[in-house]
N, C-alpha and C. Protein backbone atom coordinates (compact mmCIF):
# COMPACT_ATOMS: atom_id res chain seq x y z
N MET A 1 38.18 -77.06 -140.55
CA MET A 1 38.75 -77.30 -141.84
C MET A 1 39.71 -76.22 -142.22
N ARG A 2 40.86 -76.60 -142.87
CA ARG A 2 41.96 -75.68 -143.19
C ARG A 2 41.33 -74.62 -144.26
N VAL A 3 41.69 -73.40 -144.04
CA VAL A 3 41.28 -72.41 -144.99
C VAL A 3 42.01 -72.55 -146.30
N LEU A 4 41.32 -72.40 -147.44
CA LEU A 4 42.06 -72.53 -148.69
C LEU A 4 43.01 -71.31 -148.88
N PRO A 5 44.24 -71.58 -149.25
CA PRO A 5 45.15 -70.43 -149.52
C PRO A 5 44.76 -69.66 -150.76
N VAL A 6 43.92 -70.23 -151.62
CA VAL A 6 43.53 -69.52 -152.89
C VAL A 6 42.43 -68.46 -152.58
N GLY A 7 42.07 -68.22 -151.37
CA GLY A 7 40.91 -67.36 -151.05
C GLY A 7 41.13 -65.94 -151.68
N SER A 8 42.34 -65.37 -151.56
CA SER A 8 42.55 -64.07 -152.10
C SER A 8 42.48 -64.12 -153.56
N LEU A 9 42.79 -65.18 -154.15
CA LEU A 9 42.70 -65.30 -155.64
C LEU A 9 41.26 -65.23 -156.13
N LEU A 10 40.42 -66.01 -155.44
CA LEU A 10 39.05 -66.09 -155.89
C LEU A 10 38.29 -64.89 -155.80
N PHE A 11 38.73 -63.95 -154.89
CA PHE A 11 38.06 -62.77 -154.69
C PHE A 11 38.80 -61.51 -155.00
N LEU A 12 39.77 -61.70 -155.97
CA LEU A 12 40.57 -60.50 -156.35
C LEU A 12 39.70 -59.36 -156.97
N TRP A 13 38.64 -59.65 -157.47
CA TRP A 13 37.76 -58.69 -158.16
C TRP A 13 37.20 -57.69 -157.08
N LEU A 14 37.23 -58.08 -155.78
CA LEU A 14 36.76 -57.19 -154.72
C LEU A 14 37.94 -56.46 -154.06
N LEU A 15 39.22 -56.72 -154.43
CA LEU A 15 40.31 -56.14 -153.72
C LEU A 15 41.24 -55.47 -154.69
N PRO A 16 42.00 -54.49 -154.20
CA PRO A 16 43.08 -53.92 -155.05
C PRO A 16 44.01 -54.99 -155.58
N LEU A 17 44.61 -54.92 -156.65
CA LEU A 17 45.52 -55.94 -157.21
C LEU A 17 46.71 -56.13 -156.33
N ALA A 18 47.13 -55.12 -155.60
CA ALA A 18 48.35 -55.20 -154.77
C ALA A 18 48.03 -56.04 -153.53
N ALA A 19 46.74 -56.30 -153.23
CA ALA A 19 46.49 -57.07 -151.97
C ALA A 19 46.65 -58.56 -152.20
N GLN A 20 47.88 -58.96 -152.23
CA GLN A 20 48.23 -60.33 -152.51
C GLN A 20 48.23 -61.20 -151.23
N GLN A 21 48.01 -62.51 -151.38
CA GLN A 21 48.14 -63.41 -150.28
C GLN A 21 49.53 -63.51 -149.75
N THR A 22 49.63 -63.77 -148.51
CA THR A 22 50.90 -64.07 -147.75
C THR A 22 51.11 -65.63 -147.75
N PRO A 23 52.08 -66.15 -148.35
CA PRO A 23 52.30 -67.58 -148.46
C PRO A 23 52.34 -68.19 -147.06
N ASP A 24 51.72 -69.32 -146.73
CA ASP A 24 51.84 -70.11 -145.54
C ASP A 24 53.26 -70.68 -145.40
N ALA A 25 53.65 -70.87 -144.08
CA ALA A 25 54.86 -71.55 -143.83
C ALA A 25 54.83 -72.91 -144.43
N PRO A 26 55.92 -73.50 -145.02
CA PRO A 26 55.93 -74.79 -145.54
C PRO A 26 55.55 -75.83 -144.68
N SER A 27 54.54 -76.67 -145.09
CA SER A 27 54.09 -77.79 -144.20
C SER A 27 54.75 -79.06 -144.64
N ALA A 28 54.48 -80.13 -143.89
CA ALA A 28 55.00 -81.49 -144.27
C ALA A 28 54.65 -81.86 -145.65
N SER A 29 53.37 -81.58 -145.93
CA SER A 29 52.88 -82.05 -147.16
C SER A 29 53.48 -81.18 -148.37
N SER A 30 53.68 -79.89 -148.08
CA SER A 30 54.22 -79.05 -149.18
C SER A 30 55.68 -79.39 -149.38
N LYS A 31 56.45 -79.76 -148.29
CA LYS A 31 57.79 -80.16 -148.53
C LYS A 31 57.90 -81.36 -149.32
N SER A 32 57.06 -82.37 -149.08
CA SER A 32 57.09 -83.60 -149.84
C SER A 32 56.61 -83.39 -151.22
N GLY A 33 55.72 -82.35 -151.37
CA GLY A 33 55.22 -82.08 -152.74
C GLY A 33 56.26 -81.37 -153.62
N ALA A 34 57.34 -80.86 -153.05
CA ALA A 34 58.20 -80.17 -153.85
C ALA A 34 59.03 -81.17 -154.70
N HIS A 35 58.98 -82.41 -154.41
CA HIS A 35 59.66 -83.44 -155.19
C HIS A 35 58.78 -83.92 -156.36
N ARG A 36 57.55 -83.43 -156.49
CA ARG A 36 56.74 -83.89 -157.58
C ARG A 36 56.71 -82.76 -158.69
N LYS A 37 56.45 -83.13 -159.84
CA LYS A 37 56.46 -82.23 -160.93
C LYS A 37 55.20 -81.41 -160.93
N ALA A 38 55.43 -80.06 -161.10
CA ALA A 38 54.31 -79.15 -160.99
C ALA A 38 53.51 -79.24 -162.26
N PRO A 39 52.30 -78.97 -162.26
CA PRO A 39 51.36 -78.93 -163.49
C PRO A 39 51.87 -77.95 -164.56
N ASP A 40 51.62 -78.19 -165.82
CA ASP A 40 51.87 -77.28 -166.83
C ASP A 40 50.90 -76.00 -166.57
N PRO A 41 51.41 -74.86 -166.51
CA PRO A 41 50.53 -73.64 -166.33
C PRO A 41 49.67 -73.28 -167.47
N GLY A 42 49.96 -73.82 -168.68
CA GLY A 42 49.17 -73.49 -169.82
C GLY A 42 49.63 -72.22 -170.49
N SER A 43 48.94 -71.79 -171.52
CA SER A 43 49.35 -70.60 -172.33
C SER A 43 48.12 -70.11 -173.02
N VAL A 44 48.20 -68.79 -173.36
CA VAL A 44 47.17 -68.08 -174.05
C VAL A 44 47.68 -67.68 -175.47
N THR A 45 46.93 -68.08 -176.55
CA THR A 45 47.20 -67.78 -177.87
C THR A 45 45.89 -67.33 -178.58
N ASN A 46 46.05 -66.06 -179.11
CA ASN A 46 44.86 -65.53 -179.79
C ASN A 46 43.56 -65.61 -179.09
N GLY A 47 43.70 -65.34 -177.74
CA GLY A 47 42.48 -65.25 -176.90
C GLY A 47 42.00 -66.61 -176.39
N LEU A 48 42.76 -67.64 -176.64
CA LEU A 48 42.35 -68.95 -176.17
C LEU A 48 43.37 -69.50 -175.19
N TYR A 49 43.00 -69.77 -173.95
CA TYR A 49 43.79 -70.41 -173.05
C TYR A 49 43.75 -71.90 -173.16
N ARG A 50 44.95 -72.58 -173.16
CA ARG A 50 44.97 -73.99 -173.39
C ARG A 50 45.82 -74.66 -172.33
N ASN A 51 45.33 -75.63 -171.67
CA ASN A 51 46.09 -76.39 -170.67
C ASN A 51 46.04 -77.82 -171.01
N SER A 52 47.08 -78.38 -171.55
CA SER A 52 47.13 -79.85 -171.98
C SER A 52 47.31 -80.68 -170.79
N TRP A 53 47.86 -80.25 -169.79
CA TRP A 53 48.08 -81.02 -168.54
C TRP A 53 46.66 -81.55 -167.98
N PHE A 54 45.82 -80.60 -167.87
CA PHE A 54 44.49 -80.99 -167.34
C PHE A 54 43.46 -81.18 -168.40
N GLY A 55 43.81 -80.96 -169.61
CA GLY A 55 42.87 -81.20 -170.81
C GLY A 55 41.75 -80.26 -171.07
N PHE A 56 41.98 -79.03 -170.89
CA PHE A 56 40.89 -78.12 -171.13
C PHE A 56 41.34 -76.86 -171.82
N THR A 57 40.40 -76.07 -172.36
CA THR A 57 40.69 -74.80 -172.90
C THR A 57 39.72 -73.75 -172.44
N TYR A 58 40.03 -72.48 -172.39
CA TYR A 58 39.02 -71.50 -172.10
C TYR A 58 39.15 -70.34 -173.04
N LYS A 59 38.05 -69.93 -173.72
CA LYS A 59 38.03 -68.88 -174.66
C LYS A 59 37.77 -67.57 -173.92
N ILE A 60 38.73 -66.69 -173.86
CA ILE A 60 38.69 -65.41 -173.07
C ILE A 60 37.73 -64.45 -173.82
N PRO A 61 36.83 -63.84 -173.09
CA PRO A 61 35.93 -62.87 -173.72
C PRO A 61 36.73 -61.78 -174.44
N LEU A 62 36.30 -61.36 -175.56
CA LEU A 62 36.95 -60.28 -176.29
C LEU A 62 37.10 -58.94 -175.54
N GLY A 63 38.33 -58.47 -175.54
CA GLY A 63 38.58 -57.20 -174.84
C GLY A 63 38.86 -57.26 -173.37
N TRP A 64 38.88 -58.54 -172.81
CA TRP A 64 39.13 -58.62 -171.37
C TRP A 64 40.66 -58.59 -171.12
N VAL A 65 41.08 -58.20 -169.94
CA VAL A 65 42.47 -58.08 -169.50
C VAL A 65 42.86 -59.27 -168.73
N GLU A 66 44.15 -59.73 -168.93
CA GLU A 66 44.69 -60.86 -168.22
C GLU A 66 45.62 -60.40 -167.12
N ARG A 67 45.48 -61.05 -165.93
CA ARG A 67 46.26 -60.74 -164.80
C ARG A 67 46.84 -62.00 -164.07
N THR A 68 47.00 -62.92 -164.90
CA THR A 68 47.51 -64.24 -164.32
C THR A 68 48.86 -64.13 -163.67
N GLU A 69 49.79 -63.52 -164.36
CA GLU A 69 51.15 -63.42 -163.91
C GLU A 69 51.18 -62.64 -162.55
N GLN A 70 50.40 -61.69 -162.39
CA GLN A 70 50.36 -60.87 -161.14
C GLN A 70 49.91 -61.69 -159.97
N MET A 71 49.12 -62.74 -160.25
CA MET A 71 48.53 -63.61 -159.22
C MET A 71 49.50 -64.76 -158.80
N GLN A 72 50.55 -64.94 -159.55
CA GLN A 72 51.40 -66.00 -159.26
C GLN A 72 52.54 -65.60 -158.39
N ASP A 73 53.10 -66.55 -157.54
CA ASP A 73 54.33 -66.19 -156.80
C ASP A 73 55.47 -66.85 -157.53
N ASP A 74 56.63 -66.79 -156.96
CA ASP A 74 57.86 -67.36 -157.64
C ASP A 74 58.18 -68.80 -157.19
N SER A 75 57.27 -69.32 -156.37
CA SER A 75 57.55 -70.75 -155.85
C SER A 75 57.30 -71.66 -156.99
N THR A 76 58.14 -72.75 -156.99
CA THR A 76 57.97 -73.90 -157.82
C THR A 76 57.36 -75.05 -157.11
N ASP A 77 56.98 -74.91 -155.89
CA ASP A 77 56.43 -75.91 -155.03
C ASP A 77 55.12 -76.34 -155.58
N PRO A 78 54.92 -77.55 -156.08
CA PRO A 78 53.61 -77.86 -156.57
C PRO A 78 52.47 -78.11 -155.58
N ALA A 79 52.82 -78.04 -154.24
CA ALA A 79 51.86 -78.21 -153.28
C ALA A 79 51.12 -76.80 -152.97
N LYS A 80 51.77 -75.82 -153.47
CA LYS A 80 51.12 -74.46 -153.30
C LYS A 80 50.04 -74.20 -154.35
N SER A 81 49.18 -73.22 -154.17
CA SER A 81 48.19 -72.89 -155.17
C SER A 81 48.87 -72.37 -156.47
N LEU A 82 48.40 -72.68 -157.61
CA LEU A 82 48.82 -72.25 -158.86
C LEU A 82 47.75 -71.59 -159.62
N ALA A 83 47.94 -70.29 -159.89
CA ALA A 83 46.94 -69.62 -160.73
C ALA A 83 47.19 -69.95 -162.14
N LEU A 84 46.22 -70.61 -162.78
CA LEU A 84 46.41 -71.03 -164.21
C LEU A 84 45.90 -69.83 -165.14
N LEU A 85 44.80 -69.22 -164.75
CA LEU A 85 44.24 -68.16 -165.52
C LEU A 85 43.55 -67.13 -164.65
N ALA A 86 43.74 -65.84 -164.94
CA ALA A 86 42.87 -64.82 -164.28
C ALA A 86 42.74 -63.65 -165.20
N VAL A 87 41.39 -63.47 -165.65
CA VAL A 87 41.04 -62.54 -166.66
C VAL A 87 39.87 -61.75 -166.08
N PHE A 88 39.77 -60.52 -166.50
CA PHE A 88 38.78 -59.56 -166.02
C PHE A 88 38.22 -58.65 -167.07
N SER A 89 36.95 -58.17 -166.89
CA SER A 89 36.35 -57.44 -167.95
C SER A 89 37.11 -56.00 -167.96
N ARG A 90 37.72 -55.60 -166.90
CA ARG A 90 38.52 -54.35 -166.88
C ARG A 90 39.60 -54.48 -165.91
N PRO A 91 40.68 -53.76 -165.98
CA PRO A 91 41.78 -53.90 -165.08
C PRO A 91 41.35 -53.75 -163.53
N PRO A 92 41.57 -54.75 -162.73
CA PRO A 92 41.10 -54.74 -161.42
C PRO A 92 41.85 -53.77 -160.47
N GLU A 93 43.02 -53.28 -160.93
CA GLU A 93 43.86 -52.36 -160.18
C GLU A 93 43.29 -50.98 -160.10
N PHE A 94 42.28 -50.77 -161.04
CA PHE A 94 41.71 -49.43 -161.00
C PHE A 94 40.36 -49.49 -160.33
N SER A 95 40.08 -48.55 -159.46
CA SER A 95 38.85 -48.48 -158.69
C SER A 95 37.76 -47.90 -159.52
N GLN A 96 36.70 -48.65 -159.86
CA GLN A 96 35.65 -48.12 -160.67
C GLN A 96 34.26 -48.68 -159.99
N GLU A 97 33.27 -47.91 -160.32
CA GLU A 97 31.96 -48.31 -159.82
C GLU A 97 31.49 -49.51 -160.65
N GLY A 98 30.68 -50.30 -160.00
CA GLY A 98 30.04 -51.47 -160.73
C GLY A 98 30.82 -52.66 -160.56
N LEU A 99 30.29 -53.81 -161.18
CA LEU A 99 30.91 -55.13 -160.96
C LEU A 99 31.98 -55.30 -162.09
N ASN A 100 33.12 -55.83 -161.68
CA ASN A 100 34.16 -56.26 -162.61
C ASN A 100 34.09 -57.68 -162.75
N SER A 101 33.43 -58.15 -163.83
CA SER A 101 33.32 -59.63 -164.06
C SER A 101 34.68 -60.21 -164.22
N GLY A 102 34.76 -61.54 -163.90
CA GLY A 102 36.09 -62.04 -164.01
C GLY A 102 35.94 -63.69 -164.06
N VAL A 103 37.10 -64.25 -164.53
CA VAL A 103 37.25 -65.74 -164.53
C VAL A 103 38.54 -66.04 -163.92
N VAL A 104 38.62 -66.86 -162.86
CA VAL A 104 39.81 -67.27 -162.16
C VAL A 104 39.87 -68.78 -162.10
N ILE A 105 40.99 -69.30 -162.68
CA ILE A 105 41.16 -70.85 -162.56
C ILE A 105 42.48 -71.11 -161.78
N VAL A 106 42.26 -71.99 -160.78
CA VAL A 106 43.31 -72.28 -159.90
C VAL A 106 43.45 -73.72 -159.73
N ALA A 107 44.72 -74.21 -159.58
CA ALA A 107 45.02 -75.69 -159.31
C ALA A 107 45.72 -75.70 -158.01
N GLU A 108 45.44 -76.72 -157.19
CA GLU A 108 46.09 -76.95 -155.87
C GLU A 108 46.17 -78.47 -155.61
N SER A 109 47.38 -78.82 -155.12
CA SER A 109 47.61 -80.30 -154.84
C SER A 109 46.57 -80.80 -153.88
N ALA A 110 46.01 -81.99 -154.18
CA ALA A 110 45.09 -82.56 -153.28
C ALA A 110 45.84 -83.02 -152.06
N ALA A 111 47.16 -83.22 -152.11
CA ALA A 111 47.87 -83.71 -150.84
C ALA A 111 47.86 -82.64 -149.76
N SER A 112 47.50 -81.45 -150.13
CA SER A 112 47.24 -80.31 -149.09
C SER A 112 46.05 -80.51 -148.31
N TYR A 113 45.14 -81.40 -148.76
CA TYR A 113 43.87 -81.61 -148.17
C TYR A 113 43.67 -83.14 -147.86
N PRO A 114 44.39 -83.65 -146.88
CA PRO A 114 44.23 -85.18 -146.64
C PRO A 114 42.70 -85.42 -146.28
N GLY A 115 42.27 -86.45 -146.84
CA GLY A 115 40.87 -86.86 -146.56
C GLY A 115 39.86 -86.37 -147.57
N MET A 116 40.22 -85.31 -148.38
CA MET A 116 39.33 -84.87 -149.47
C MET A 116 39.59 -85.73 -150.66
N LYS A 117 38.40 -86.41 -151.08
CA LYS A 117 38.54 -87.30 -152.28
C LYS A 117 37.68 -86.80 -153.46
N GLN A 118 36.78 -85.95 -153.20
CA GLN A 118 35.87 -85.50 -154.20
C GLN A 118 35.85 -84.06 -154.43
N ALA A 119 35.61 -83.58 -155.60
CA ALA A 119 35.55 -82.20 -155.88
C ALA A 119 34.59 -81.45 -155.11
N ALA A 120 33.43 -82.13 -154.74
CA ALA A 120 32.40 -81.48 -153.89
C ALA A 120 32.90 -81.14 -152.52
N ASP A 121 33.84 -81.95 -152.02
CA ASP A 121 34.38 -81.64 -150.69
C ASP A 121 35.25 -80.38 -150.74
N TYR A 122 35.92 -80.27 -151.93
CA TYR A 122 36.79 -79.01 -152.06
C TYR A 122 35.93 -77.81 -152.14
N LEU A 123 34.78 -78.03 -152.79
CA LEU A 123 33.81 -76.85 -152.86
C LEU A 123 33.33 -76.46 -151.59
N ASP A 124 33.15 -77.41 -150.70
CA ASP A 124 32.66 -77.13 -149.26
C ASP A 124 33.71 -76.01 -148.70
N ALA A 125 34.94 -76.24 -148.90
CA ALA A 125 35.91 -75.30 -148.31
C ALA A 125 35.83 -73.95 -148.99
N ILE A 126 35.64 -73.97 -150.32
CA ILE A 126 35.50 -72.70 -151.02
C ILE A 126 34.29 -72.01 -150.47
N THR A 127 33.22 -72.71 -150.21
CA THR A 127 31.90 -72.12 -149.81
C THR A 127 32.14 -71.40 -148.43
N GLN A 128 33.01 -71.95 -147.56
CA GLN A 128 33.33 -71.20 -146.34
C GLN A 128 33.89 -69.84 -146.59
N LEU A 129 34.84 -69.78 -147.59
CA LEU A 129 35.41 -68.45 -147.93
C LEU A 129 34.46 -67.52 -148.57
N THR A 130 33.56 -68.13 -149.46
CA THR A 130 32.63 -67.29 -150.19
C THR A 130 31.63 -66.60 -149.35
N THR A 131 31.07 -67.41 -148.43
CA THR A 131 30.06 -66.94 -147.49
C THR A 131 30.70 -65.89 -146.52
N ALA A 132 31.92 -66.10 -146.24
CA ALA A 132 32.63 -65.11 -145.37
C ALA A 132 32.76 -63.75 -146.06
N LYS A 133 32.78 -63.70 -147.27
CA LYS A 133 32.79 -62.50 -148.05
C LYS A 133 31.41 -61.85 -148.32
N GLY A 134 30.38 -62.50 -147.68
CA GLY A 134 29.05 -61.84 -147.80
C GLY A 134 28.18 -62.40 -148.86
N PHE A 135 28.66 -63.50 -149.55
CA PHE A 135 27.78 -64.14 -150.61
C PHE A 135 26.83 -65.13 -149.89
N GLU A 136 25.79 -65.37 -150.52
CA GLU A 136 24.80 -66.39 -150.00
C GLU A 136 24.82 -67.50 -151.06
N VAL A 137 24.68 -68.74 -150.44
CA VAL A 137 24.66 -70.01 -151.31
C VAL A 137 23.29 -70.13 -151.96
N VAL A 138 23.27 -70.05 -153.32
CA VAL A 138 22.04 -70.26 -154.04
C VAL A 138 21.71 -71.66 -154.27
N SER A 139 22.72 -72.54 -154.38
CA SER A 139 22.51 -73.97 -154.60
C SER A 139 23.67 -74.73 -153.90
N ASP A 140 23.40 -75.76 -153.15
CA ASP A 140 24.45 -76.63 -152.71
C ASP A 140 25.15 -77.36 -153.85
N ALA A 141 26.33 -77.97 -153.55
CA ALA A 141 27.04 -78.57 -154.62
C ALA A 141 26.28 -79.59 -155.39
N TYR A 142 26.35 -79.60 -156.70
CA TYR A 142 25.65 -80.58 -157.54
C TYR A 142 26.55 -80.84 -158.77
N GLU A 143 26.15 -81.91 -159.49
CA GLU A 143 26.98 -82.35 -160.58
C GLU A 143 26.59 -81.52 -161.83
N PHE A 144 27.66 -81.10 -162.49
CA PHE A 144 27.47 -80.29 -163.66
C PHE A 144 28.47 -80.81 -164.77
N SER A 145 27.89 -80.98 -165.98
CA SER A 145 28.61 -81.51 -167.08
C SER A 145 29.04 -80.44 -167.97
N VAL A 146 30.37 -80.43 -168.42
CA VAL A 146 30.81 -79.66 -169.49
C VAL A 146 31.28 -80.64 -170.67
N GLY A 147 30.52 -80.80 -171.58
CA GLY A 147 30.70 -81.75 -172.49
C GLY A 147 30.59 -83.18 -171.80
N ALA A 148 31.54 -84.04 -171.97
CA ALA A 148 31.54 -85.38 -171.33
C ALA A 148 32.21 -85.35 -169.89
N THR A 149 32.72 -84.18 -169.54
CA THR A 149 33.42 -84.05 -168.22
C THR A 149 32.43 -83.65 -167.19
N LYS A 150 32.45 -84.44 -166.04
CA LYS A 150 31.58 -84.08 -164.92
C LYS A 150 32.27 -83.35 -163.90
N LEU A 151 31.81 -82.21 -163.45
CA LEU A 151 32.40 -81.36 -162.32
C LEU A 151 31.34 -81.23 -161.31
N ALA A 152 31.86 -80.75 -160.14
CA ALA A 152 31.02 -80.19 -159.07
C ALA A 152 30.71 -78.74 -159.21
N ARG A 153 29.54 -78.26 -158.85
CA ARG A 153 29.24 -76.83 -159.03
C ARG A 153 28.47 -76.28 -157.89
N VAL A 154 28.76 -75.02 -157.46
CA VAL A 154 28.11 -74.35 -156.48
C VAL A 154 27.83 -72.93 -157.05
N ASP A 155 26.62 -72.36 -156.80
CA ASP A 155 26.27 -71.04 -157.17
C ASP A 155 26.07 -70.15 -155.95
N TYR A 156 26.53 -68.89 -156.04
CA TYR A 156 26.39 -67.88 -154.96
C TYR A 156 25.83 -66.64 -155.52
N GLU A 157 25.38 -65.73 -154.57
CA GLU A 157 24.89 -64.44 -154.98
C GLU A 157 25.16 -63.46 -153.93
N LYS A 158 25.39 -62.13 -154.36
CA LYS A 158 25.62 -61.07 -153.35
C LYS A 158 25.24 -59.74 -153.92
N GLN A 159 24.51 -58.94 -153.09
CA GLN A 159 24.16 -57.69 -153.46
C GLN A 159 25.30 -56.67 -153.14
N LYS A 160 25.98 -56.17 -154.15
CA LYS A 160 27.14 -55.27 -153.92
C LYS A 160 26.75 -53.90 -154.31
N GLY A 161 26.24 -53.08 -153.32
CA GLY A 161 25.67 -51.75 -153.63
C GLY A 161 24.40 -51.92 -154.49
N ALA A 162 24.36 -51.28 -155.61
CA ALA A 162 23.19 -51.38 -156.44
C ALA A 162 23.42 -52.52 -157.49
N THR A 163 24.59 -53.25 -157.32
CA THR A 163 24.92 -54.27 -158.29
C THR A 163 24.71 -55.73 -157.70
N ASN A 164 24.06 -56.52 -158.48
CA ASN A 164 23.90 -57.92 -158.02
C ASN A 164 25.04 -58.71 -158.55
N ALA A 165 25.84 -59.31 -157.77
CA ALA A 165 26.98 -60.13 -158.11
C ALA A 165 26.71 -61.53 -157.95
N LEU A 166 26.93 -62.32 -159.11
CA LEU A 166 26.80 -63.74 -159.06
C LEU A 166 28.14 -64.41 -159.22
N GLN A 167 28.34 -65.48 -158.43
CA GLN A 167 29.55 -66.21 -158.55
C GLN A 167 29.15 -67.73 -158.71
N THR A 168 29.75 -68.33 -159.64
CA THR A 168 29.68 -69.80 -159.78
C THR A 168 31.04 -70.43 -159.77
N THR A 169 31.29 -71.45 -158.97
CA THR A 169 32.60 -72.17 -158.93
C THR A 169 32.39 -73.62 -159.34
N LEU A 170 33.15 -74.00 -160.29
CA LEU A 170 33.16 -75.50 -160.69
C LEU A 170 34.44 -76.00 -160.15
N ALA A 171 34.47 -77.33 -159.90
CA ALA A 171 35.61 -77.94 -159.43
C ALA A 171 35.79 -79.37 -160.00
N LEU A 172 36.99 -79.78 -160.18
CA LEU A 172 37.26 -81.17 -160.58
C LEU A 172 38.48 -81.64 -159.77
N HIS A 173 38.59 -82.93 -159.67
CA HIS A 173 39.67 -83.63 -159.06
C HIS A 173 40.38 -84.42 -160.19
N ALA A 174 41.61 -84.01 -160.58
CA ALA A 174 42.25 -84.58 -161.64
C ALA A 174 43.85 -84.63 -161.40
N LYS A 175 44.50 -85.70 -161.78
CA LYS A 175 45.92 -85.90 -161.57
C LYS A 175 46.41 -85.46 -160.26
N SER A 176 45.72 -85.84 -159.16
CA SER A 176 46.12 -85.52 -157.85
C SER A 176 46.00 -84.00 -157.50
N TYR A 177 45.20 -83.25 -158.27
CA TYR A 177 45.00 -81.84 -157.95
C TYR A 177 43.59 -81.57 -157.96
N PHE A 178 43.19 -80.50 -157.29
CA PHE A 178 41.87 -79.89 -157.29
C PHE A 178 41.95 -78.69 -158.22
N VAL A 179 41.10 -78.59 -159.22
CA VAL A 179 41.14 -77.45 -160.03
C VAL A 179 39.76 -76.69 -159.91
N SER A 180 39.84 -75.42 -159.60
CA SER A 180 38.59 -74.69 -159.43
C SER A 180 38.46 -73.64 -160.52
N PHE A 181 37.25 -73.47 -161.04
CA PHE A 181 37.01 -72.53 -162.08
C PHE A 181 35.98 -71.58 -161.52
N THR A 182 36.34 -70.28 -161.18
CA THR A 182 35.40 -69.40 -160.55
C THR A 182 34.93 -68.28 -161.56
N PHE A 183 33.75 -68.09 -161.70
CA PHE A 183 33.23 -67.10 -162.68
C PHE A 183 32.41 -66.03 -161.77
N ILE A 184 32.63 -64.79 -162.12
CA ILE A 184 31.97 -63.71 -161.55
C ILE A 184 31.21 -62.93 -162.66
N ALA A 185 29.88 -62.74 -162.45
CA ALA A 185 29.07 -62.08 -163.44
C ALA A 185 27.99 -61.27 -162.84
N GLY A 186 27.42 -60.40 -163.64
CA GLY A 186 26.27 -59.51 -163.13
C GLY A 186 24.95 -60.06 -163.53
N SER A 187 24.85 -61.13 -164.31
CA SER A 187 23.55 -61.67 -164.68
C SER A 187 23.68 -63.11 -164.98
N GLU A 188 22.44 -63.81 -165.02
CA GLU A 188 22.47 -65.26 -165.40
C GLU A 188 22.96 -65.39 -166.79
N GLU A 189 22.56 -64.55 -167.66
CA GLU A 189 22.92 -64.61 -169.14
C GLU A 189 24.44 -64.43 -169.28
N GLU A 190 25.00 -63.45 -168.60
CA GLU A 190 26.47 -63.35 -168.61
C GLU A 190 27.11 -64.50 -168.13
N MET A 191 26.57 -65.03 -167.00
CA MET A 191 27.26 -66.23 -166.33
C MET A 191 27.25 -67.46 -167.29
N ASP A 192 26.08 -67.64 -168.02
CA ASP A 192 26.12 -68.76 -168.88
C ASP A 192 27.09 -68.60 -170.07
N GLY A 193 27.24 -67.32 -170.44
CA GLY A 193 28.19 -67.09 -171.49
C GLY A 193 29.67 -67.33 -171.10
N LEU A 194 29.98 -66.91 -169.88
CA LEU A 194 31.36 -67.16 -169.32
C LEU A 194 31.61 -68.68 -169.18
N ILE A 195 30.61 -69.38 -168.62
CA ILE A 195 30.88 -70.86 -168.51
C ILE A 195 30.95 -71.59 -169.82
N ALA A 196 30.33 -71.04 -170.84
CA ALA A 196 30.32 -71.65 -172.14
C ALA A 196 31.74 -71.54 -172.74
N GLY A 197 32.57 -70.78 -172.29
CA GLY A 197 33.90 -70.55 -172.75
C GLY A 197 34.83 -71.77 -172.36
N LEU A 198 34.39 -72.59 -171.39
CA LEU A 198 35.19 -73.72 -170.87
C LEU A 198 34.88 -74.86 -171.70
N GLN A 199 35.88 -75.62 -172.21
CA GLN A 199 35.75 -76.84 -173.01
C GLN A 199 36.80 -77.78 -172.53
N PHE A 200 36.47 -79.10 -172.48
CA PHE A 200 37.48 -80.11 -172.07
C PHE A 200 37.63 -81.02 -173.37
N ALA A 201 38.90 -81.60 -173.39
CA ALA A 201 39.22 -82.52 -174.47
C ALA A 201 38.39 -83.77 -174.22
N SER A 202 38.27 -84.55 -175.27
CA SER A 202 37.54 -85.85 -175.23
C SER A 202 38.34 -86.81 -174.37
N ALA A 203 37.63 -87.77 -173.72
CA ALA A 203 38.26 -88.66 -172.88
C ALA A 203 39.42 -89.35 -173.49
N GLY A 204 39.39 -89.69 -174.82
CA GLY A 204 40.47 -90.34 -175.43
C GLY A 204 41.68 -89.45 -175.64
N ALA A 205 41.48 -88.16 -175.65
CA ALA A 205 42.61 -87.28 -175.83
C ALA A 205 43.36 -86.91 -174.62
N ARG A 206 42.77 -87.25 -173.49
CA ARG A 206 43.42 -86.90 -172.18
C ARG A 206 44.15 -88.17 -171.62
N SER A 207 45.22 -87.91 -170.92
CA SER A 207 46.02 -89.00 -170.43
C SER A 207 45.34 -89.60 -169.21
N SER A 208 44.57 -88.83 -168.54
CA SER A 208 43.81 -89.30 -167.37
C SER A 208 42.50 -88.49 -167.26
N HIS A 209 41.51 -89.11 -166.74
CA HIS A 209 40.17 -88.42 -166.62
C HIS A 209 39.99 -87.83 -165.23
N PRO A 210 39.20 -86.76 -165.05
CA PRO A 210 38.90 -86.18 -163.71
C PRO A 210 38.26 -87.22 -162.77
N LYS A 211 38.52 -87.08 -161.59
CA LYS A 211 37.88 -87.91 -160.57
C LYS A 211 36.84 -87.26 -159.94
């Protein structure tokens, strides 16, 4: 299975900020994708990230730092990965002891993954990357609801020195894109709080619903 190009994004909290991904050479699917309109990247106002394209909001924890722009490249090709939001409990470019909690939201064209129809399939690919970083799968993909919106969810765990790192990734398939929501936390309580910041618009308020 093709390795997700968003891998370096999902694990930025483990790496220096300058360790950015190297874009893949354009494929046939990415060339054709260049003719499609790219998703709205969304915006942050008063600590609330809003994305009307995919119909969700995320309330950023108070005092967290945003590094979304640094994780984006200059490409307008909608077949490439698009970092919608990247926020951390402290600046990831500074080396410090302990866990740097974070939330990273990424959209990627489903056309880059022929044969993948379900969000759970996309999570299988993310699991390959996550376990390669030393995480263990706590639970296989299962259905998880945020309001009326159903997503696929996988939970992971890793002992990082004296710190226990938890990762939860949610995924949905919407508007011919896979969208992943990755949360890094040091405890179950913190994880629940981070996930609680995610909200979806009602079905009637969205132009199309997640698949």
